[in-house]
Amino acid sequence: MRLLKATFYCCILYCSLTNPSIAKQMYFSQQSLQDSRLFSYKWEDSNQDSQSLQFVLKNNVIQEMPSTGAAYRPQLAQRAIKSGLLTYAKTVDPRIAKIDIKQQGAQINISVTASKSGLAQEITEKLSHLQKQIQQDYLESNFYLTFKNHYGQDTIKHDHGRYAQLSIEGAKVIAQTIKQSIENPSDFRGFVNFTLSWIQSIPYNTLEDRVSSNGAGFASPRELIISNRGDCDSKSTLMASIIKAYAPNAEVRMIFLPRHALLGIKMKPGKEDKTIKIGKREFVLLEPTGPALYELGKIAPSSNNAIRNRQYTTEVM
């Protein structure tokens, strides 16, 4: 069985002539309290108006949010698979069957010889099934999943949807604070735009080589909030979690482009909103990455070109 290549994202978005505003985080601090942590932010929005946000997360809520999983390393996955197969092989009586398991590069080869007709095939099929199960368990325990990219290739990527779902309790606290910070708490578009400008102003976590990083550049919502840094799929994951905390029934998709990620929300689009159709449903697009300040329905020209050329895949958040 050949292990799949890992795929990671993304690029930083700078301003274009159509959107000259750049996010500026003016202040950030976190303070440890008795049983919680206080987070404080100040930034400039697209109108160059000063905005602020302050929320308190209980320590137990922070602990329940998943931390960033270990970077995906094929050799460690191979080792886990081989170890599990060898454990099973030891349960087979060597007098009735001989099992040979060898690791060659990105592939594990299995050969079985048996004394009885049909037994070798039976054991081989069981080992093949076990091999797939061990790999799946390994991916799940490290918050990864298999995924088809826009070329139709099978790859491995972070389980962004699971990170967002398991971070929901912390996201609820943030969403409630944002509702208290905007003029109309029931205005979904206003809520999203305020949250977007805050997340876009969080410093971008630069990484020279996304491929060789093996996913080390991704930050879960917990790590992003604590470190005050994140890249495109990290910021999109936090944004999706907060949207779901605000509107639990909202349908949110992460849109994966070559070297970038953004979000889509199923909602009635405005006249000039950029949208994407997934099946028969229309999703309004949004760019949490920054530092370019794009409001809901506005996206970077590079994102628009990739979507127009159908160079994307999606994931339910």
C-alpha atoms as a PDB file:
ATOM      1  CA  MET A   1       0.000   0.000   0.000  1.00  0.00           C
ATOM      2  CA  ARG A   2       1.461   3.363  -1.020  1.00  0.00           C
ATOM      3  CA  LEU A   3       0.942   6.242   1.379  1.00  0.00           C
ATOM      4  CA  LEU A   4      -0.551   9.381  -0.085  1.00  0.00           C
ATOM      5  CA  LYS A   5       1.205  12.670  -0.528  1.00  0.00           C
ATOM      6  CA  ALA A   6       0.279  15.352   1.982  1.00  0.00           C
ATOM      7  CA  THR A   7      -1.136  18.628   0.684  1.00  0.00           C
ATOM      8  CA  PHE A   8      -1.002  21.924   2.550  1.00  0.00           C
ATOM      9  CA  TYR A   9      -1.900  25.518   1.913  1.00  0.00           C
ATOM     10  CA  CYS A  10      -1.516  28.664   1.468  1.00  0.00           C
ATOM     11  CA  CYS A  11      -0.521  32.122   0.231  1.00  0.00           C
ATOM     12  CA  ILE A  12      -0.686  35.553   1.808  1.00  0.00           C
ATOM     13  CA  LEU A  13      -3.091  38.047   0.220  1.00  0.00           C
ATOM     14  CA  TYR A  14      -1.866  41.551  -0.434  1.00  0.00           C
ATOM     15  CA  CYS A  15      -3.992  44.406  -1.667  1.00  0.00           C
ATOM     16  CA  SER A  16      -4.876  45.007  -5.278  1.00  0.00           C
ATOM     17  CA  LEU A  17      -6.064  48.139  -7.023  1.00  0.00           C
ATOM     18  CA  THR A  18      -9.650  47.065  -6.307  1.00  0.00           C
ATOM     19  CA  ASN A  19      -9.048  46.860  -2.549  1.00  0.00           C
ATOM     20  CA  PRO A  20      -6.288  49.145  -1.247  1.00  0.00           C
ATOM     21  CA  SER A  21      -6.958  48.555   2.462  1.00  0.00           C
ATOM     22  CA  ILE A  22      -4.476  46.542   4.501  1.00  0.00           C
ATOM     23  CA  ALA A  23      -5.280  45.119   7.925  1.00  0.00           C
ATOM     24  CA  LYS A  24      -3.322  46.643  10.805  1.00  0.00           C
ATOM     25  CA  GLN A  25      -3.322  45.028  14.206  1.00  0.00           C
ATOM     26  CA  MET A  26      -2.473  47.854  16.596  1.00  0.00           C
ATOM     27  CA  TYR A  27      -2.491  45.920  19.858  1.00  0.00           C
ATOM     28  CA  PHE A  28      -2.679  42.379  21.205  1.00  0.00           C
ATOM     29  CA  SER A  29      -2.330  41.009  24.713  1.00  0.00           C
ATOM     30  CA  GLN A  30      -3.311  37.976  26.722  1.00  0.00           C
ATOM     31  CA  GLN A  31      -3.473  37.913  30.490  1.00  0.00           C
ATOM     32  CA  SER A  32      -3.727  34.892  32.772  1.00  0.00           C
ATOM     33  CA  LEU A  33      -6.482  35.196  35.349  1.00  0.00           C
ATOM     34  CA  GLN A  34      -7.367  32.818  38.169  1.00  0.00           C
ATOM     35  CA  ASP A  35      -9.204  30.235  36.084  1.00  0.00           C
ATOM     36  CA  SER A  36      -9.248  31.841  32.649  1.00  0.00           C
ATOM     37  CA  ARG A  37      -7.350  33.929  30.110  1.00  0.00           C
ATOM     38  CA  LEU A  38      -8.169  37.435  28.883  1.00  0.00           C
ATOM     39  CA  PHE A  39      -7.515  38.237  25.203  1.00  0.00           C
ATOM     40  CA  SER A  40      -7.483  41.862  23.998  1.00  0.00           C
ATOM     41  CA  TYR A  41      -7.195  43.221  20.432  1.00  0.00           C
ATOM     42  CA  LYS A  42      -7.194  46.558  18.645  1.00  0.00           C
ATOM     43  CA  TRP A  43      -7.020  47.005  14.872  1.00  0.00           C
ATOM     44  CA  GLU A  44      -7.968  49.270  11.982  1.00  0.00           C
ATOM     45  CA  ASP A  45     -10.822  48.197   9.709  1.00  0.00           C
ATOM     46  CA  SER A  46     -11.225  48.918   5.982  1.00  0.00           C
ATOM     47  CA  ASN A  47     -12.438  52.459   6.785  1.00  0.00           C
ATOM     48  CA  GLN A  48      -9.343  53.011   8.938  1.00  0.00           C
ATOM     49  CA  ASP A  49     -11.599  53.183  11.992  1.00  0.00           C
ATOM     50  CA  SER A  50     -10.209  51.760  15.220  1.00  0.00           C
ATOM     51  CA  GLN A  51     -11.911  48.567  16.376  1.00  0.00           C
ATOM     52  CA  SER A  52     -11.428  46.512  19.516  1.00  0.00           C
ATOM     53  CA  LEU A  53     -12.381  43.123  20.881  1.00  0.00           C
ATOM     54  CA  GLN A  54     -11.886  41.616  24.313  1.00  0.00           C
ATOM     55  CA  PHE A  55     -13.002  38.192  25.516  1.00  0.00           C
ATOM     56  CA  VAL A  56     -12.304  35.778  28.357  1.00  0.00           C
ATOM     57  CA  LEU A  57     -11.883  32.047  27.788  1.00  0.00           C
ATOM     58  CA  LYS A  58     -12.041  29.679  30.755  1.00  0.00           C
ATOM     59  CA  ASN A  59      -8.968  27.469  31.051  1.00  0.00           C
ATOM     60  CA  ASN A  60     -11.078  24.312  30.815  1.00  0.00           C
ATOM     61  CA  VAL A  61     -12.657  25.592  27.570  1.00  0.00           C
ATOM     62  CA  ILE A  62      -9.200  26.273  26.109  1.00  0.00           C
ATOM     63  CA  GLN A  63      -8.040  22.795  27.157  1.00  0.00           C
ATOM     64  CA  GLU A  64     -11.038  21.173  25.464  1.00  0.00           C
ATOM     65  CA  MET A  65     -10.252  22.872  22.144  1.00  0.00           C
ATOM     66  CA  PRO A  66      -7.928  20.603  20.130  1.00  0.00           C
ATOM     67  CA  SER A  67      -4.309  21.623  19.891  1.00  0.00           C
ATOM     68  CA  THR A  68      -2.564  21.402  16.532  1.00  0.00           C
ATOM     69  CA  GLY A  69      -1.840  17.787  15.624  1.00  0.00           C
ATOM     70  CA  ALA A  70       1.631  16.527  14.934  1.00  0.00           C
ATOM     71  CA  ALA A  71       3.013  17.302  11.492  1.00  0.00           C
ATOM     72  CA  TYR A  72       2.230  14.527   9.038  1.00  0.00           C
ATOM     73  CA  ARG A  73       5.291  12.395   8.373  1.00  0.00           C
ATOM     74  CA  PRO A  74       4.890   9.446   5.983  1.00  0.00           C
ATOM     75  CA  GLN A  75       7.662   7.469   7.660  1.00  0.00           C
ATOM     76  CA  LEU A  76       5.852   7.603  11.015  1.00  0.00           C
ATOM     77  CA  ALA A  77       2.593   6.520   9.389  1.00  0.00           C
ATOM     78  CA  GLN A  78       4.428   3.638   7.685  1.00  0.00           C
ATOM     79  CA  ARG A  79       5.960   2.610  10.981  1.00  0.00           C
ATOM     80  CA  ALA A  80       2.536   2.522  12.666  1.00  0.00           C
ATOM     81  CA  ILE A  81       1.073   0.451   9.833  1.00  0.00           C
ATOM     82  CA  LYS A  82       3.977  -1.994   9.769  1.00  0.00           C
ATOM     83  CA  SER A  83       3.887  -2.400  13.554  1.00  0.00           C
ATOM     84  CA  GLY A  84       0.182  -3.223  13.502  1.00  0.00           C
ATOM     85  CA  LEU A  85       0.601  -5.725  10.679  1.00  0.00           C
ATOM     86  CA  LEU A  86       3.502  -7.444  12.444  1.00  0.00           C
ATOM     87  CA  THR A  87       1.422  -7.692  15.619  1.00  0.00           C
ATOM     88  CA  TYR A  88      -1.259  -9.551  13.687  1.00  0.00           C
ATOM     89  CA  ALA A  89       1.316 -11.709  11.884  1.00  0.00           C
ATOM     90  CA  LYS A  90       2.574 -12.988  15.252  1.00  0.00           C
ATOM     91  CA  THR A  91      -0.881 -14.434  15.966  1.00  0.00           C
ATOM     92  CA  VAL A  92      -0.675 -16.705  12.891  1.00  0.00           C
ATOM     93  CA  ASP A  93       0.861 -20.119  13.466  1.00  0.00           C
ATOM     94  CA  PRO A  94       4.075 -20.174  11.350  1.00  0.00           C
ATOM     95  CA  ARG A  95       3.482 -23.892  10.703  1.00  0.00           C
ATOM     96  CA  ILE A  96       0.391 -23.104   8.612  1.00  0.00           C
ATOM     97  CA  ALA A  97       1.391 -19.773   7.033  1.00  0.00           C
ATOM     98  CA  LYS A  98       4.466 -17.619   6.542  1.00  0.00           C
ATOM     99  CA  ILE A  99       3.926 -13.852   6.423  1.00  0.00           C
ATOM    100  CA  ASP A 100       6.599 -11.531   5.073  1.00  0.00           C
ATOM    101  CA  ILE A 101       6.100  -7.758   5.585  1.00  0.00           C
ATOM    102  CA  LYS A 102       8.632  -5.343   4.113  1.00  0.00           C
ATOM    103  CA  GLN A 103       8.713  -1.567   3.894  1.00  0.00           C
ATOM    104  CA  GLN A 104      10.157  -0.183   0.663  1.00  0.00           C
ATOM    105  CA  GLY A 105      10.147   3.579   0.352  1.00  0.00           C
ATOM    106  CA  ALA A 106       6.540   4.803   0.471  1.00  0.00           C
ATOM    107  CA  GLN A 107       5.147   1.301   0.103  1.00  0.00           C
ATOM    108  CA  ILE A 108       4.593  -1.704   2.346  1.00  0.00           C
ATOM    109  CA  ASN A 109       4.736  -5.064   0.567  1.00  0.00           C
ATOM    110  CA  ILE A 110       3.071  -8.153   1.971  1.00  0.00           C
ATOM    111  CA  SER A 111       3.568 -11.743   0.844  1.00  0.00           C
ATOM    112  CA  VAL A 112       1.872 -14.799   2.309  1.00  0.00           C
ATOM    113  CA  THR A 113       2.553 -18.495   1.703  1.00  0.00           C
ATOM    114  CA  ALA A 114       0.316 -21.112   3.314  1.00  0.00           C
ATOM    115  CA  SER A 115       0.073 -24.877   3.613  1.00  0.00           C
ATOM    116  CA  LYS A 116      -3.647 -25.007   2.798  1.00  0.00           C
ATOM    117  CA  SER A 117      -5.345 -23.992  -0.418  1.00  0.00           C
ATOM    118  CA  GLY A 118      -7.104 -20.618  -0.159  1.00  0.00           C
ATOM    119  CA  LEU A 119      -5.570 -19.786   3.228  1.00  0.00           C
ATOM    120  CA  ALA A 120      -2.915 -17.479   1.757  1.00  0.00           C
ATOM    121  CA  GLN A 121      -5.585 -15.405  -0.008  1.00  0.00           C
ATOM    122  CA  GLU A 122      -7.710 -15.262   3.149  1.00  0.00           C
ATOM    123  CA  ILE A 123      -4.795 -13.995   5.254  1.00  0.00           C
ATOM    124  CA  THR A 124      -3.724 -11.521   2.539  1.00  0.00           C
ATOM    125  CA  GLU A 125      -7.221 -10.036   2.363  1.00  0.00           C
ATOM    126  CA  LYS A 126      -7.352  -9.716   6.150  1.00  0.00           C
ATOM    127  CA  LEU A 127      -3.956  -7.983   6.195  1.00  0.00           C
ATOM    128  CA  SER A 128      -5.052  -5.622   3.428  1.00  0.00           C
ATOM    129  CA  HIS A 129      -8.170  -4.650   5.375  1.00  0.00           C
ATOM    130  CA  LEU A 130      -6.136  -4.246   8.566  1.00  0.00           C
ATOM    131  CA  GLN A 131      -3.606  -2.074   6.729  1.00  0.00           C
ATOM    132  CA  LYS A 132      -6.313   0.355   5.604  1.00  0.00           C
ATOM    133  CA  GLN A 133      -7.847   0.453   9.090  1.00  0.00           C
ATOM    134  CA  ILE A 134      -4.516   1.201  10.775  1.00  0.00           C
ATOM    135  CA  GLN A 135      -3.831   4.032   8.344  1.00  0.00           C
ATOM    136  CA  GLN A 136      -7.312   5.476   8.907  1.00  0.00           C
ATOM    137  CA  ASP A 137      -6.878   5.289  12.693  1.00  0.00           C
ATOM    138  CA  TYR A 138      -3.481   6.965  12.426  1.00  0.00           C
ATOM    139  CA  LEU A 139      -4.888   9.806  10.321  1.00  0.00           C
ATOM    140  CA  GLU A 140      -7.869  10.339  12.633  1.00  0.00           C
ATOM    141  CA  SER A 141      -5.745  10.387  15.781  1.00  0.00           C
ATOM    142  CA  ASN A 142      -3.568  13.109  14.240  1.00  0.00           C
ATOM    143  CA  PHE A 143      -6.476  15.131  12.769  1.00  0.00           C
ATOM    144  CA  TYR A 144      -5.769  14.288   9.128  1.00  0.00           C
ATOM    145  CA  LEU A 145      -7.965  12.831   6.410  1.00  0.00           C
ATOM    146  CA  THR A 146      -7.699  11.660   2.812  1.00  0.00           C
ATOM    147  CA  PHE A 147      -8.898  14.179   0.265  1.00  0.00           C
ATOM    148  CA  LYS A 148      -9.136  14.618  -3.496  1.00  0.00           C
ATOM    149  CA  ASN A 149      -7.569  17.832  -4.787  1.00  0.00           C
ATOM    150  CA  HIS A 150      -8.809  19.758  -7.820  1.00  0.00           C
ATOM    151  CA  TYR A 151      -6.712  17.496 -10.071  1.00  0.00           C
ATOM    152  CA  GLY A 152      -8.589  14.453  -8.757  1.00  0.00           C
ATOM    153  CA  GLN A 153      -5.493  13.213  -6.939  1.00  0.00           C
ATOM    154  CA  ASP A 154      -5.801  11.493  -3.558  1.00  0.00           C
ATOM    155  CA  THR A 155      -3.880  13.465  -0.926  1.00  0.00           C
ATOM    156  CA  ILE A 156      -3.741  13.869   2.847  1.00  0.00           C
ATOM    157  CA  LYS A 157      -4.687  17.121   4.565  1.00  0.00           C
ATOM    158  CA  HIS A 158      -5.723  18.536   7.914  1.00  0.00           C
ATOM    159  CA  ASP A 159      -9.250  17.687   9.042  1.00  0.00           C
ATOM    160  CA  HIS A 160     -10.280  21.346   9.131  1.00  0.00           C
ATOM    161  CA  GLY A 161     -13.957  20.566   9.683  1.00  0.00           C
ATOM    162  CA  ARG A 162     -13.212  18.495  12.778  1.00  0.00           C
ATOM    163  CA  TYR A 163     -10.957  21.206  14.207  1.00  0.00           C
ATOM    164  CA  ALA A 164     -13.765  23.746  13.720  1.00  0.00           C
ATOM    165  CA  GLN A 165     -16.421  21.502  15.270  1.00  0.00           C
ATOM    166  CA  LEU A 166     -14.353  20.632  18.352  1.00  0.00           C
ATOM    167  CA  SER A 167     -13.463  24.301  18.919  1.00  0.00           C
ATOM    168  CA  ILE A 168     -17.103  25.377  19.051  1.00  0.00           C
ATOM    169  CA  GLU A 169     -17.319  26.060  22.819  1.00  0.00           C
ATOM    170  CA  GLY A 170     -14.516  28.606  22.657  1.00  0.00           C
ATOM    171  CA  ALA A 171     -15.988  30.009  19.445  1.00  0.00           C
ATOM    172  CA  LYS A 172     -19.333  30.541  21.206  1.00  0.00           C
ATOM    173  CA  VAL A 173     -17.676  32.841  23.745  1.00  0.00           C
ATOM    174  CA  ILE A 174     -16.015  34.847  20.963  1.00  0.00           C
ATOM    175  CA  ALA A 175     -19.226  35.007  18.900  1.00  0.00           C
ATOM    176  CA  GLN A 176     -21.217  36.263  21.886  1.00  0.00           C
ATOM    177  CA  THR A 177     -18.638  38.998  22.548  1.00  0.00           C
ATOM    178  CA  ILE A 178     -18.673  40.063  18.893  1.00  0.00           C
ATOM    179  CA  LYS A 179     -22.488  40.269  18.964  1.00  0.00           C
ATOM    180  CA  GLN A 180     -22.167  42.715  21.857  1.00  0.00           C
ATOM    181  CA  SER A 181     -19.608  44.741  19.884  1.00  0.00           C
ATOM    182  CA  ILE A 182     -21.682  45.416  16.766  1.00  0.00           C
ATOM    183  CA  GLU A 183     -24.617  47.775  16.299  1.00  0.00           C
ATOM    184  CA  ASN A 184     -27.142  45.094  15.341  1.00  0.00           C
ATOM    185  CA  PRO A 185     -26.377  41.668  16.874  1.00  0.00           C
ATOM    186  CA  SER A 186     -28.892  39.950  14.576  1.00  0.00           C
ATOM    187  CA  ASP A 187     -27.277  41.348  11.405  1.00  0.00           C
ATOM    188  CA  PHE A 188     -25.504  38.294   9.996  1.00  0.00           C
ATOM    189  CA  ARG A 189     -23.569  40.228   7.362  1.00  0.00           C
ATOM    190  CA  GLY A 190     -22.476  42.810   9.927  1.00  0.00           C
ATOM    191  CA  PHE A 191     -21.356  40.040  12.273  1.00  0.00           C
ATOM    192  CA  VAL A 192     -19.345  38.313   9.544  1.00  0.00           C
ATOM    193  CA  ASN A 193     -17.694  41.548   8.371  1.00  0.00           C
ATOM    194  CA  PHE A 194     -16.623  42.535  11.885  1.00  0.00           C
ATOM    195  CA  THR A 195     -15.229  39.054  12.518  1.00  0.00           C
ATOM    196  CA  LEU A 196     -13.477  39.061   9.137  1.00  0.00           C
ATOM    197  CA  SER A 197     -11.686  42.349   9.818  1.00  0.00           C
ATOM    198  CA  TRP A 198     -10.523  41.062  13.226  1.00  0.00           C
ATOM    199  CA  ILE A 199      -9.183  37.762  11.846  1.00  0.00           C
ATOM    200  CA  GLN A 200      -7.630  39.445   8.792  1.00  0.00           C
ATOM    201  CA  SER A 201      -5.709  41.746  11.139  1.00  0.00           C
ATOM    202  CA  ILE A 202      -4.140  38.831  13.033  1.00  0.00           C
ATOM    203  CA  PRO A 203      -0.532  38.546  11.792  1.00  0.00           C
ATOM    204  CA  TYR A 204       0.049  36.066   9.007  1.00  0.00           C
ATOM    205  CA  ASN A 205       2.201  33.082   9.905  1.00  0.00           C
ATOM    206  CA  THR A 206       4.772  32.951   7.101  1.00  0.00           C
ATOM    207  CA  LEU A 207       6.393  29.665   6.157  1.00  0.00           C
ATOM    208  CA  GLU A 208       8.995  29.369   3.438  1.00  0.00           C
ATOM    209  CA  ASP A 209       8.078  25.940   2.166  1.00  0.00           C
ATOM    210  CA  ARG A 210       4.531  24.693   2.702  1.00  0.00           C
ATOM    211  CA  VAL A 211       5.255  21.244   1.269  1.00  0.00           C
ATOM    212  CA  SER A 212       8.376  20.416   3.259  1.00  0.00           C
ATOM    213  CA  SER A 213       6.666  21.709   6.417  1.00  0.00           C
ATOM    214  CA  ASN A 214       4.412  18.615   6.387  1.00  0.00           C
ATOM    215  CA  GLY A 215       1.588  20.685   7.837  1.00  0.00           C
ATOM    216  CA  ALA A 216       3.636  22.238  10.634  1.00  0.00           C
ATOM    217  CA  GLY A 217       2.437  25.713   9.568  1.00  0.00           C
ATOM    218  CA  PHE A 218      -1.228  25.020  10.315  1.00  0.00           C
ATOM    219  CA  ALA A 219      -2.577  26.329  13.625  1.00  0.00           C
ATOM    220  CA  SER A 220      -5.774  25.030  15.185  1.00  0.00           C
ATOM    221  CA  PRO A 221      -8.221  27.703  16.457  1.00  0.00           C
ATOM    222  CA  ARG A 222      -6.784  27.210  19.947  1.00  0.00           C
ATOM    223  CA  GLU A 223      -3.185  27.693  18.799  1.00  0.00           C
ATOM    224  CA  LEU A 224      -4.079  30.608  16.523  1.00  0.00           C
ATOM    225  CA  ILE A 225      -5.760  32.509  19.357  1.00  0.00           C
ATOM    226  CA  ILE A 226      -2.943  31.839  21.825  1.00  0.00           C
ATOM    227  CA  SER A 227      -0.075  32.563  19.403  1.00  0.00           C
ATOM    228  CA  ASN A 228      -1.864  35.440  17.599  1.00  0.00           C
ATOM    229  CA  ARG A 229      -0.651  34.064  14.265  1.00  0.00           C
ATOM    230  CA  GLY A 230      -2.164  31.997  11.471  1.00  0.00           C
ATOM    231  CA  ASP A 231      -2.155  31.242   7.752  1.00  0.00           C
ATOM    232  CA  CYS A 232      -5.083  30.926   5.354  1.00  0.00           C
ATOM    233  CA  ASP A 233      -6.478  27.514   6.318  1.00  0.00           C
ATOM    234  CA  SER A 234      -5.839  28.271  10.012  1.00  0.00           C
ATOM    235  CA  LYS A 235      -7.757  31.555   9.845  1.00  0.00           C
ATOM    236  CA  SER A 236     -10.507  30.010   7.712  1.00  0.00           C
ATOM    237  CA  THR A 237     -10.961  27.229  10.281  1.00  0.00           C
ATOM    238  CA  LEU A 238     -11.326  29.712  13.140  1.00  0.00           C
ATOM    239  CA  MET A 239     -13.710  31.837  11.057  1.00  0.00           C
ATOM    240  CA  ALA A 240     -15.861  28.808  10.219  1.00  0.00           C
ATOM    241  CA  SER A 241     -16.065  27.796  13.874  1.00  0.00           C
ATOM    242  CA  ILE A 242     -17.186  31.291  14.915  1.00  0.00           C
ATOM    243  CA  ILE A 243     -19.798  31.439  12.132  1.00  0.00           C
ATOM    244  CA  LYS A 244     -21.195  28.063  13.252  1.00  0.00           C
ATOM    245  CA  ALA A 245     -21.217  29.292  16.861  1.00  0.00           C
ATOM    246  CA  TYR A 246     -23.223  32.364  15.801  1.00  0.00           C
ATOM    247  CA  ALA A 247     -25.558  30.486  13.434  1.00  0.00           C
ATOM    248  CA  PRO A 248     -25.481  26.712  14.138  1.00  0.00           C
ATOM    249  CA  ASN A 249     -27.550  25.903  11.053  1.00  0.00           C
ATOM    250  CA  ALA A 250     -25.347  27.898   8.684  1.00  0.00           C
ATOM    251  CA  GLU A 251     -23.882  25.860   5.836  1.00  0.00           C
ATOM    252  CA  VAL A 252     -20.189  26.653   5.545  1.00  0.00           C
ATOM    253  CA  ARG A 253     -17.659  25.241   3.081  1.00  0.00           C
ATOM    254  CA  MET A 254     -13.902  25.605   2.938  1.00  0.00           C
ATOM    255  CA  ILE A 255     -12.789  26.248  -0.634  1.00  0.00           C
ATOM    256  CA  PHE A 256      -9.341  24.883  -1.490  1.00  0.00           C
ATOM    257  CA  LEU A 257      -7.480  26.530  -4.352  1.00  0.00           C
ATOM    258  CA  PRO A 258      -3.899  25.842  -5.485  1.00  0.00           C
ATOM    259  CA  ARG A 259      -1.841  27.106  -2.487  1.00  0.00           C
ATOM    260  CA  HIS A 260      -4.759  28.922  -0.869  1.00  0.00           C
ATOM    261  CA  ALA A 261      -7.995  28.425   1.066  1.00  0.00           C
ATOM    262  CA  LEU A 262     -11.081  30.562   1.735  1.00  0.00           C
ATOM    263  CA  LEU A 263     -14.699  30.043   2.793  1.00  0.00           C
ATOM    264  CA  GLY A 264     -18.197  30.010   1.364  1.00  0.00           C
ATOM    265  CA  ILE A 265     -21.498  30.528   3.229  1.00  0.00           C
ATOM    266  CA  LYS A 266     -24.873  29.432   1.899  1.00  0.00           C
ATOM    267  CA  MET A 267     -26.919  32.628   2.017  1.00  0.00           C
ATOM    268  CA  LYS A 268     -28.766  35.050  -0.226  1.00  0.00           C
ATOM    269  CA  PRO A 269     -26.055  36.961  -2.102  1.00  0.00           C
ATOM    270  CA  GLY A 270     -25.883  40.709  -2.421  1.00  0.00           C
ATOM    271  CA  LYS A 271     -25.906  42.285  -5.862  1.00  0.00           C
ATOM    272  CA  GLU A 272     -22.101  42.439  -6.146  1.00  0.00           C
ATOM    273  CA  ASP A 273     -21.165  39.393  -4.028  1.00  0.00           C
ATOM    274  CA  LYS A 274     -18.801  36.816  -5.467  1.00  0.00           C
ATOM    275  CA  THR A 275     -20.359  33.380  -5.194  1.00  0.00           C
ATOM    276  CA  ILE A 276     -19.708  29.751  -5.977  1.00  0.00           C
ATOM    277  CA  LYS A 277     -22.224  27.040  -6.836  1.00  0.00           C
ATOM    278  CA  ILE A 278     -21.857  23.702  -5.077  1.00  0.00           C
ATOM    279  CA  GLY A 279     -24.421  21.401  -6.585  1.00  0.00           C
ATOM    280  CA  LYS A 280     -27.513  23.562  -6.947  1.00  0.00           C
ATOM    281  CA  ARG A 281     -26.751  25.738  -3.924  1.00  0.00           C
ATOM    282  CA  GLU A 282     -25.090  29.138  -4.012  1.00  0.00           C
ATOM    283  CA  PHE A 283     -22.432  30.110  -1.481  1.00  0.00           C
ATOM    284  CA  VAL A 284     -21.177  33.643  -0.871  1.00  0.00           C
ATOM    285  CA  LEU A 285     -17.371  33.747  -0.684  1.00  0.00           C
ATOM    286  CA  LEU A 286     -15.179  35.333   1.984  1.00  0.00           C
ATOM    287  CA  GLU A 287     -11.417  35.737   2.512  1.00  0.00           C
ATOM    288  CA  PRO A 288     -10.307  35.465   6.174  1.00  0.00           C
ATOM    289  CA  THR A 289      -6.575  35.391   5.384  1.00  0.00           C
ATOM    290  CA  GLY A 290      -5.524  39.039   5.253  1.00  0.00           C
ATOM    291  CA  PRO A 291      -3.738  41.309   5.359  1.00  0.00           C
ATOM    292  CA  ALA A 292      -5.933  42.608   2.508  1.00  0.00           C
ATOM    293  CA  LEU A 293      -9.286  43.622   4.008  1.00  0.00           C
ATOM    294  CA  TYR A 294     -12.014  41.946   1.947  1.00  0.00           C
ATOM    295  CA  GLU A 295     -15.574  42.138   3.216  1.00  0.00           C
ATOM    296  CA  LEU A 296     -18.082  39.327   2.807  1.00  0.00           C
ATOM    297  CA  GLY A 297     -18.657  38.680  -0.902  1.00  0.00           C
ATOM    298  CA  LYS A 298     -15.324  40.217  -1.975  1.00  0.00           C
ATOM    299  CA  ILE A 299     -12.315  38.045  -2.814  1.00  0.00           C
ATOM    300  CA  ALA A 300      -8.796  38.446  -4.163  1.00  0.00           C
ATOM    301  CA  PRO A 301      -8.344  38.510  -7.972  1.00  0.00           C
ATOM    302  CA  SER A 302      -6.145  35.396  -7.732  1.00  0.00           C
ATOM    303  CA  SER A 303      -8.925  33.543  -5.890  1.00  0.00           C
ATOM    304  CA  ASN A 304     -11.487  34.702  -8.429  1.00  0.00           C
ATOM    305  CA  ASN A 305      -9.327  33.460 -11.324  1.00  0.00           C
ATOM    306  CA  ALA A 306      -8.821  30.033  -9.748  1.00  0.00           C
ATOM    307  CA  ILE A 307     -12.546  29.615  -9.072  1.00  0.00           C
ATOM    308  CA  ARG A 308     -13.462  30.813 -12.553  1.00  0.00           C
ATOM    309  CA  ASN A 309     -11.077  28.177 -13.954  1.00  0.00           C
ATOM    310  CA  ARG A 310     -12.640  25.563 -11.647  1.00  0.00           C
ATOM    311  CA  GLN A 311      -9.347  24.941  -9.843  1.00  0.00           C
ATOM    312  CA  TYR A 312     -10.890  24.188  -6.503  1.00  0.00           C
ATOM    313  CA  THR A 313     -12.307  21.534  -4.197  1.00  0.00           C
ATOM    314  CA  THR A 314     -14.545  21.968  -1.149  1.00  0.00           C
ATOM    315  CA  GLU A 315     -14.992  20.583   2.343  1.00  0.00           C
ATOM    316  CA  VAL A 316     -18.016  20.746   4.661  1.00  0.00           C
ATOM    317  CA  MET A 317     -17.222  22.690   7.819  1.00  0.00           C
END
